[in-house]
N, C-alpha and C. Protein backbone atom coordinates (compact mmCIF):
# COMPACT_ATOMS: atom_id res chain seq x y z
N MET A 1 -23.66 -19.09 14.21
CA MET A 1 -22.55 -19.88 14.72
C MET A 1 -21.28 -19.05 14.82
N THR A 2 -21.04 -18.15 13.92
CA THR A 2 -19.80 -17.39 13.94
C THR A 2 -19.72 -16.45 15.13
N ASP A 3 -20.85 -16.09 15.74
CA ASP A 3 -20.84 -15.19 16.89
C ASP A 3 -20.58 -15.92 18.20
N LEU A 4 -20.71 -17.24 18.21
CA LEU A 4 -20.51 -18.00 19.42
C LEU A 4 -19.05 -18.41 19.55
N PRO A 5 -18.47 -18.30 20.74
CA PRO A 5 -17.09 -18.76 20.89
C PRO A 5 -17.05 -20.28 20.82
N LEU A 6 -16.02 -20.81 20.18
CA LEU A 6 -15.88 -22.25 20.09
C LEU A 6 -15.27 -22.78 21.38
N LEU A 7 -15.88 -23.80 21.92
CA LEU A 7 -15.34 -24.49 23.08
C LEU A 7 -14.22 -25.40 22.60
N PRO A 8 -13.44 -25.92 23.52
CA PRO A 8 -12.44 -26.91 23.12
C PRO A 8 -13.12 -28.08 22.41
N ALA A 9 -12.33 -28.81 21.64
CA ALA A 9 -12.88 -29.95 20.91
C ALA A 9 -13.60 -30.90 21.86
N ASP A 10 -14.74 -31.41 21.42
CA ASP A 10 -15.49 -32.38 22.20
C ASP A 10 -14.97 -33.77 21.87
N PRO A 11 -14.25 -34.40 22.81
CA PRO A 11 -13.67 -35.71 22.51
C PRO A 11 -14.71 -36.81 22.35
N ASP A 12 -15.96 -36.51 22.69
CA ASP A 12 -17.01 -37.52 22.55
C ASP A 12 -17.72 -37.47 21.21
N VAL A 13 -17.32 -36.56 20.32
CA VAL A 13 -17.78 -36.57 18.93
C VAL A 13 -16.53 -36.89 18.12
N ARG A 14 -16.48 -38.12 17.59
CA ARG A 14 -15.26 -38.63 16.97
C ARG A 14 -15.43 -38.73 15.45
N VAL A 15 -14.33 -38.45 14.76
CA VAL A 15 -14.34 -38.46 13.30
C VAL A 15 -13.29 -39.44 12.80
N ARG A 16 -13.70 -40.31 11.88
CA ARG A 16 -12.79 -41.25 11.21
C ARG A 16 -12.84 -40.99 9.71
N VAL A 17 -11.72 -41.22 9.02
CA VAL A 17 -11.62 -40.96 7.59
C VAL A 17 -11.02 -42.17 6.88
N GLU A 18 -11.61 -42.53 5.75
CA GLU A 18 -11.05 -43.54 4.85
C GLU A 18 -10.83 -42.87 3.50
N VAL A 19 -9.61 -43.03 2.94
CA VAL A 19 -9.23 -42.34 1.71
C VAL A 19 -8.95 -43.36 0.61
N GLN A 20 -9.30 -43.00 -0.62
CA GLN A 20 -9.00 -43.84 -1.78
C GLN A 20 -8.52 -42.96 -2.92
N TYR A 21 -7.43 -43.38 -3.55
CA TYR A 21 -6.90 -42.69 -4.72
C TYR A 21 -7.77 -43.03 -5.92
N LEU A 22 -8.14 -42.04 -6.71
CA LEU A 22 -8.99 -42.24 -7.89
C LEU A 22 -8.13 -42.12 -9.15
N ALA A 23 -7.46 -43.20 -9.49
CA ALA A 23 -6.53 -43.19 -10.62
C ALA A 23 -7.22 -42.80 -11.93
N VAL A 24 -8.43 -43.27 -12.14
CA VAL A 24 -9.14 -43.01 -13.39
C VAL A 24 -9.48 -41.52 -13.56
N HIS A 25 -9.55 -40.78 -12.47
CA HIS A 25 -9.87 -39.34 -12.53
C HIS A 25 -8.63 -38.46 -12.30
N SER A 26 -7.46 -39.09 -12.29
CA SER A 26 -6.23 -38.36 -12.01
C SER A 26 -5.36 -38.27 -13.25
N GLN A 27 -4.48 -37.30 -13.22
CA GLN A 27 -3.48 -37.11 -14.28
C GLN A 27 -2.32 -36.37 -13.64
N PRO A 28 -1.17 -36.29 -14.30
CA PRO A 28 -0.05 -35.53 -13.72
C PRO A 28 -0.49 -34.10 -13.39
N GLY A 29 -0.20 -33.69 -12.16
CA GLY A 29 -0.58 -32.34 -11.73
C GLY A 29 -1.99 -32.21 -11.21
N ARG A 30 -2.74 -33.29 -11.21
CA ARG A 30 -4.11 -33.27 -10.67
C ARG A 30 -4.46 -34.67 -10.19
N HIS A 31 -4.21 -34.92 -8.90
CA HIS A 31 -4.45 -36.23 -8.30
C HIS A 31 -5.76 -36.18 -7.51
N ALA A 32 -6.68 -37.07 -7.86
CA ALA A 32 -8.02 -37.07 -7.24
C ALA A 32 -8.12 -38.17 -6.18
N PHE A 33 -8.79 -37.84 -5.11
CA PHE A 33 -9.00 -38.77 -4.00
C PHE A 33 -10.45 -38.67 -3.54
N SER A 34 -11.04 -39.81 -3.22
CA SER A 34 -12.33 -39.80 -2.55
C SER A 34 -12.06 -40.10 -1.07
N TYR A 35 -12.96 -39.62 -0.23
CA TYR A 35 -12.83 -39.94 1.19
C TYR A 35 -14.21 -40.14 1.78
N VAL A 36 -14.28 -41.05 2.74
CA VAL A 36 -15.51 -41.33 3.46
C VAL A 36 -15.28 -40.90 4.91
N ILE A 37 -16.18 -40.05 5.38
CA ILE A 37 -16.10 -39.53 6.75
C ILE A 37 -17.18 -40.22 7.59
N THR A 38 -16.78 -40.70 8.75
CA THR A 38 -17.70 -41.26 9.73
C THR A 38 -17.62 -40.41 10.99
N ILE A 39 -18.76 -39.82 11.38
CA ILE A 39 -18.84 -38.99 12.58
C ILE A 39 -19.70 -39.74 13.58
N GLU A 40 -19.15 -39.98 14.76
CA GLU A 40 -19.85 -40.75 15.80
C GLU A 40 -20.04 -39.89 17.03
N ASN A 41 -21.26 -39.83 17.53
CA ASN A 41 -21.56 -39.07 18.74
C ASN A 41 -21.56 -40.01 19.94
N HIS A 42 -20.49 -39.96 20.71
CA HIS A 42 -20.37 -40.79 21.91
C HIS A 42 -20.76 -40.01 23.16
N SER A 43 -21.29 -38.80 22.99
CA SER A 43 -21.67 -37.99 24.14
C SER A 43 -23.12 -38.29 24.55
N ASP A 44 -23.55 -37.64 25.62
CA ASP A 44 -24.91 -37.84 26.10
C ASP A 44 -25.84 -36.70 25.66
N GLN A 45 -25.39 -35.90 24.70
CA GLN A 45 -26.24 -34.82 24.20
C GLN A 45 -26.25 -34.81 22.67
N THR A 46 -27.27 -34.17 22.12
CA THR A 46 -27.40 -34.04 20.67
C THR A 46 -26.60 -32.85 20.18
N TRP A 47 -25.87 -33.06 19.08
CA TRP A 47 -25.10 -32.00 18.43
C TRP A 47 -25.58 -31.83 17.00
N GLN A 48 -25.59 -30.60 16.52
CA GLN A 48 -25.85 -30.35 15.11
C GLN A 48 -24.54 -29.90 14.47
N LEU A 49 -24.22 -30.49 13.33
CA LEU A 49 -23.03 -30.11 12.59
C LEU A 49 -23.40 -28.91 11.71
N LEU A 50 -22.81 -27.76 11.99
CA LEU A 50 -23.16 -26.53 11.28
C LEU A 50 -22.16 -26.13 10.21
N THR A 51 -20.87 -26.28 10.52
CA THR A 51 -19.84 -25.79 9.61
C THR A 51 -18.72 -26.81 9.44
N ARG A 52 -17.91 -26.57 8.41
CA ARG A 52 -16.72 -27.39 8.21
C ARG A 52 -15.56 -26.45 7.90
N HIS A 53 -14.38 -26.88 8.33
CA HIS A 53 -13.14 -26.17 8.03
C HIS A 53 -12.10 -27.21 7.64
N TRP A 54 -11.53 -27.05 6.45
CA TRP A 54 -10.50 -27.96 5.94
C TRP A 54 -9.24 -27.18 5.67
N ARG A 55 -8.10 -27.79 5.95
CA ARG A 55 -6.80 -27.28 5.55
C ARG A 55 -6.14 -28.39 4.74
N ILE A 56 -5.82 -28.09 3.48
CA ILE A 56 -5.25 -29.08 2.57
C ILE A 56 -3.90 -28.55 2.10
N VAL A 57 -2.84 -29.34 2.27
CA VAL A 57 -1.50 -28.94 1.85
C VAL A 57 -0.94 -30.05 0.98
N ASP A 58 -0.45 -29.69 -0.22
CA ASP A 58 0.14 -30.71 -1.08
C ASP A 58 1.66 -30.73 -0.91
N ALA A 59 2.32 -31.68 -1.58
CA ALA A 59 3.76 -31.87 -1.43
C ALA A 59 4.55 -30.65 -1.88
N GLY A 60 4.01 -29.84 -2.74
CA GLY A 60 4.67 -28.62 -3.20
C GLY A 60 4.49 -27.45 -2.26
N GLY A 61 3.78 -27.67 -1.13
CA GLY A 61 3.56 -26.61 -0.15
C GLY A 61 2.36 -25.73 -0.45
N ARG A 62 1.62 -26.04 -1.52
CA ARG A 62 0.41 -25.26 -1.82
C ARG A 62 -0.65 -25.58 -0.78
N GLU A 63 -1.22 -24.54 -0.20
CA GLU A 63 -2.22 -24.72 0.86
C GLU A 63 -3.56 -24.17 0.42
N THR A 64 -4.59 -24.94 0.68
CA THR A 64 -5.96 -24.53 0.40
C THR A 64 -6.76 -24.63 1.69
N THR A 65 -7.54 -23.60 1.98
CA THR A 65 -8.44 -23.62 3.13
C THR A 65 -9.86 -23.58 2.60
N VAL A 66 -10.69 -24.46 3.15
CA VAL A 66 -12.09 -24.54 2.74
C VAL A 66 -12.95 -24.36 3.98
N ASP A 67 -13.82 -23.36 3.96
CA ASP A 67 -14.78 -23.13 5.03
C ASP A 67 -16.17 -23.11 4.42
N GLY A 68 -17.12 -23.72 5.08
CA GLY A 68 -18.47 -23.71 4.54
C GLY A 68 -19.48 -24.21 5.54
N GLU A 69 -20.73 -24.16 5.13
CA GLU A 69 -21.83 -24.64 5.96
C GLU A 69 -22.00 -26.13 5.77
N GLY A 70 -22.22 -26.83 6.86
CA GLY A 70 -22.56 -28.24 6.82
C GLY A 70 -21.60 -29.10 6.01
N VAL A 71 -22.12 -30.25 5.60
CA VAL A 71 -21.37 -31.20 4.77
C VAL A 71 -22.29 -31.71 3.68
N VAL A 72 -21.81 -31.73 2.46
CA VAL A 72 -22.56 -32.16 1.28
C VAL A 72 -24.02 -31.68 1.30
N GLY A 73 -24.18 -30.40 1.64
CA GLY A 73 -25.51 -29.78 1.61
C GLY A 73 -26.39 -30.07 2.81
N HIS A 74 -25.84 -30.69 3.85
CA HIS A 74 -26.64 -31.04 5.03
C HIS A 74 -26.01 -30.48 6.30
N GLN A 75 -26.85 -30.24 7.29
CA GLN A 75 -26.41 -29.86 8.63
C GLN A 75 -27.05 -30.85 9.61
N PRO A 76 -26.50 -32.07 9.63
CA PRO A 76 -27.17 -33.15 10.37
C PRO A 76 -27.16 -32.96 11.88
N HIS A 77 -28.20 -33.50 12.51
CA HIS A 77 -28.27 -33.61 13.97
C HIS A 77 -27.77 -34.99 14.35
N LEU A 78 -26.92 -35.04 15.36
CA LEU A 78 -26.37 -36.30 15.83
C LEU A 78 -26.83 -36.53 17.27
N ALA A 79 -27.85 -37.35 17.44
CA ALA A 79 -28.34 -37.70 18.77
C ALA A 79 -27.29 -38.57 19.46
N PRO A 80 -27.38 -38.73 20.77
CA PRO A 80 -26.44 -39.61 21.46
C PRO A 80 -26.42 -41.00 20.80
N GLY A 81 -25.23 -41.47 20.51
CA GLY A 81 -25.07 -42.78 19.87
C GLY A 81 -25.21 -42.77 18.36
N ALA A 82 -25.55 -41.64 17.77
CA ALA A 82 -25.77 -41.57 16.32
C ALA A 82 -24.44 -41.60 15.56
N VAL A 83 -24.55 -42.09 14.33
CA VAL A 83 -23.42 -42.12 13.40
C VAL A 83 -23.88 -41.47 12.11
N TYR A 84 -23.07 -40.57 11.56
CA TYR A 84 -23.38 -39.93 10.28
C TYR A 84 -22.21 -40.20 9.35
N ILE A 85 -22.51 -40.69 8.15
CA ILE A 85 -21.47 -41.04 7.18
C ILE A 85 -21.76 -40.31 5.88
N TYR A 86 -20.70 -39.73 5.29
CA TYR A 86 -20.84 -39.11 3.98
C TYR A 86 -19.53 -39.28 3.22
N ASP A 87 -19.59 -39.06 1.92
CA ASP A 87 -18.38 -39.14 1.12
C ASP A 87 -18.23 -37.88 0.28
N SER A 88 -16.99 -37.59 -0.07
CA SER A 88 -16.68 -36.43 -0.90
C SER A 88 -15.38 -36.70 -1.62
N PHE A 89 -14.83 -35.68 -2.25
CA PHE A 89 -13.57 -35.86 -2.97
C PHE A 89 -12.74 -34.58 -2.89
N VAL A 90 -11.45 -34.72 -3.22
CA VAL A 90 -10.53 -33.61 -3.23
C VAL A 90 -9.46 -33.88 -4.28
N THR A 91 -8.88 -32.83 -4.83
CA THR A 91 -7.74 -32.98 -5.73
C THR A 91 -6.57 -32.18 -5.18
N VAL A 92 -5.36 -32.70 -5.43
CA VAL A 92 -4.13 -31.99 -5.09
C VAL A 92 -3.21 -32.04 -6.30
N GLN A 93 -2.37 -31.03 -6.41
CA GLN A 93 -1.46 -30.97 -7.55
C GLN A 93 -0.31 -31.95 -7.39
N ASP A 94 0.33 -31.97 -6.21
CA ASP A 94 1.47 -32.84 -5.95
C ASP A 94 1.20 -33.72 -4.74
N THR A 95 1.61 -34.98 -4.83
CA THR A 95 1.45 -35.90 -3.70
C THR A 95 2.81 -36.17 -3.07
N PRO A 96 2.83 -36.54 -1.78
CA PRO A 96 1.65 -36.70 -0.93
C PRO A 96 1.11 -35.36 -0.43
N GLY A 97 -0.16 -35.35 -0.15
CA GLY A 97 -0.81 -34.21 0.46
C GLY A 97 -1.31 -34.59 1.83
N VAL A 98 -1.68 -33.59 2.60
CA VAL A 98 -2.25 -33.82 3.93
C VAL A 98 -3.49 -32.96 4.06
N MET A 99 -4.53 -33.55 4.65
CA MET A 99 -5.80 -32.86 4.83
C MET A 99 -6.22 -33.03 6.28
N GLN A 100 -6.71 -31.95 6.89
CA GLN A 100 -7.19 -32.00 8.27
C GLN A 100 -8.16 -30.85 8.49
N GLY A 101 -8.85 -30.87 9.63
CA GLY A 101 -9.78 -29.77 9.89
C GLY A 101 -10.63 -30.00 11.12
N HIS A 102 -11.81 -29.37 11.09
CA HIS A 102 -12.76 -29.57 12.18
C HIS A 102 -14.17 -29.20 11.70
N TYR A 103 -15.14 -29.72 12.45
CA TYR A 103 -16.54 -29.38 12.23
C TYR A 103 -17.00 -28.48 13.37
N GLY A 104 -17.73 -27.42 13.03
CA GLY A 104 -18.34 -26.57 14.04
C GLY A 104 -19.68 -27.17 14.44
N LEU A 105 -19.89 -27.32 15.73
CA LEU A 105 -21.09 -27.97 16.26
C LEU A 105 -21.87 -27.01 17.15
N ARG A 106 -23.15 -27.33 17.36
CA ARG A 106 -23.98 -26.60 18.31
C ARG A 106 -24.87 -27.61 19.02
N ASP A 107 -24.97 -27.47 20.34
CA ASP A 107 -25.85 -28.38 21.08
C ASP A 107 -27.26 -27.80 21.16
N ALA A 108 -28.17 -28.52 21.80
CA ALA A 108 -29.58 -28.13 21.86
C ALA A 108 -29.80 -26.82 22.61
N TRP A 109 -28.83 -26.39 23.44
CA TRP A 109 -28.96 -25.16 24.21
C TRP A 109 -28.23 -24.00 23.54
N GLY A 110 -27.66 -24.25 22.36
CA GLY A 110 -26.98 -23.19 21.62
C GLY A 110 -25.50 -23.06 21.90
N ALA A 111 -24.95 -23.91 22.76
CA ALA A 111 -23.51 -23.85 23.04
C ALA A 111 -22.74 -24.43 21.85
N ALA A 112 -21.62 -23.79 21.53
CA ALA A 112 -20.80 -24.22 20.40
C ALA A 112 -19.72 -25.19 20.83
N GLY A 113 -19.31 -26.01 19.91
CA GLY A 113 -18.21 -26.94 20.13
C GLY A 113 -17.60 -27.27 18.79
N LYS A 114 -16.61 -28.13 18.79
CA LYS A 114 -16.05 -28.57 17.53
C LYS A 114 -15.56 -30.00 17.64
N ALA A 115 -15.60 -30.66 16.51
CA ALA A 115 -15.10 -32.04 16.39
C ALA A 115 -13.90 -31.99 15.46
N ILE A 116 -12.78 -32.47 15.95
CA ILE A 116 -11.54 -32.45 15.18
C ILE A 116 -11.56 -33.55 14.12
N ILE A 117 -11.16 -33.17 12.90
CA ILE A 117 -10.96 -34.14 11.82
C ILE A 117 -9.46 -34.43 11.81
N PRO A 118 -9.06 -35.64 12.17
CA PRO A 118 -7.62 -35.91 12.25
C PRO A 118 -6.96 -35.81 10.87
N ALA A 119 -5.70 -35.44 10.87
CA ALA A 119 -4.94 -35.33 9.62
C ALA A 119 -4.89 -36.69 8.93
N PHE A 120 -5.05 -36.67 7.60
CA PHE A 120 -4.89 -37.89 6.81
C PHE A 120 -4.12 -37.57 5.55
N VAL A 121 -3.46 -38.60 5.01
CA VAL A 121 -2.54 -38.44 3.89
C VAL A 121 -3.25 -38.74 2.57
N LEU A 122 -2.97 -37.91 1.58
CA LEU A 122 -3.46 -38.09 0.22
C LEU A 122 -2.25 -38.51 -0.62
N ASP A 123 -2.14 -39.80 -0.91
CA ASP A 123 -0.96 -40.29 -1.62
C ASP A 123 -1.33 -41.33 -2.65
N VAL A 124 -0.52 -41.44 -3.67
CA VAL A 124 -0.71 -42.41 -4.74
C VAL A 124 -0.16 -43.75 -4.25
N PRO A 125 -0.97 -44.80 -4.22
CA PRO A 125 -0.48 -46.10 -3.74
C PRO A 125 0.63 -46.64 -4.64
N GLY A 126 1.65 -47.20 -4.01
CA GLY A 126 2.72 -47.83 -4.76
C GLY A 126 3.70 -46.88 -5.40
N GLN A 127 3.53 -45.58 -5.20
CA GLN A 127 4.43 -44.61 -5.80
C GLN A 127 5.70 -44.53 -4.95
N ARG A 128 6.84 -44.78 -5.56
CA ARG A 128 8.13 -44.76 -4.84
C ARG A 128 9.09 -43.82 -5.54
N VAL A 129 9.90 -43.17 -4.73
CA VAL A 129 10.95 -42.31 -5.27
C VAL A 129 12.29 -42.98 -4.97
N LEU A 130 13.06 -43.25 -6.00
CA LEU A 130 14.37 -43.87 -5.83
C LEU A 130 15.45 -42.81 -5.96
N ASN A 131 16.47 -42.91 -5.10
CA ASN A 131 17.60 -41.97 -5.16
C ASN A 131 18.69 -42.51 -6.05
């Protein structure tokens, strides 16, 4: 996959994210969040999800980049109309944080593409700062 040039994002492979703060697993300086990713193939071709790229930035400006193969140990094939759902977690030192990225894809003929993971906020619910 790394030798193939990435095509522009395929707008027909869509990614949605739902985030939840995990208060029971959090403490000052380490805020835990779970997230559920839904990947939907609205195209007329099959795509295989090969890689992931995440950029995570917390409120203190600390940035983490995560690159790896597949998602949660899988490199799923998404036939036309298919939906793939998985969950994972992340921690940030300071909130709010922002997480975004993309998935590297390959079609049945070996052409590369990518699906954009829209930016989402990692924040503690109900947390307010008063001046």
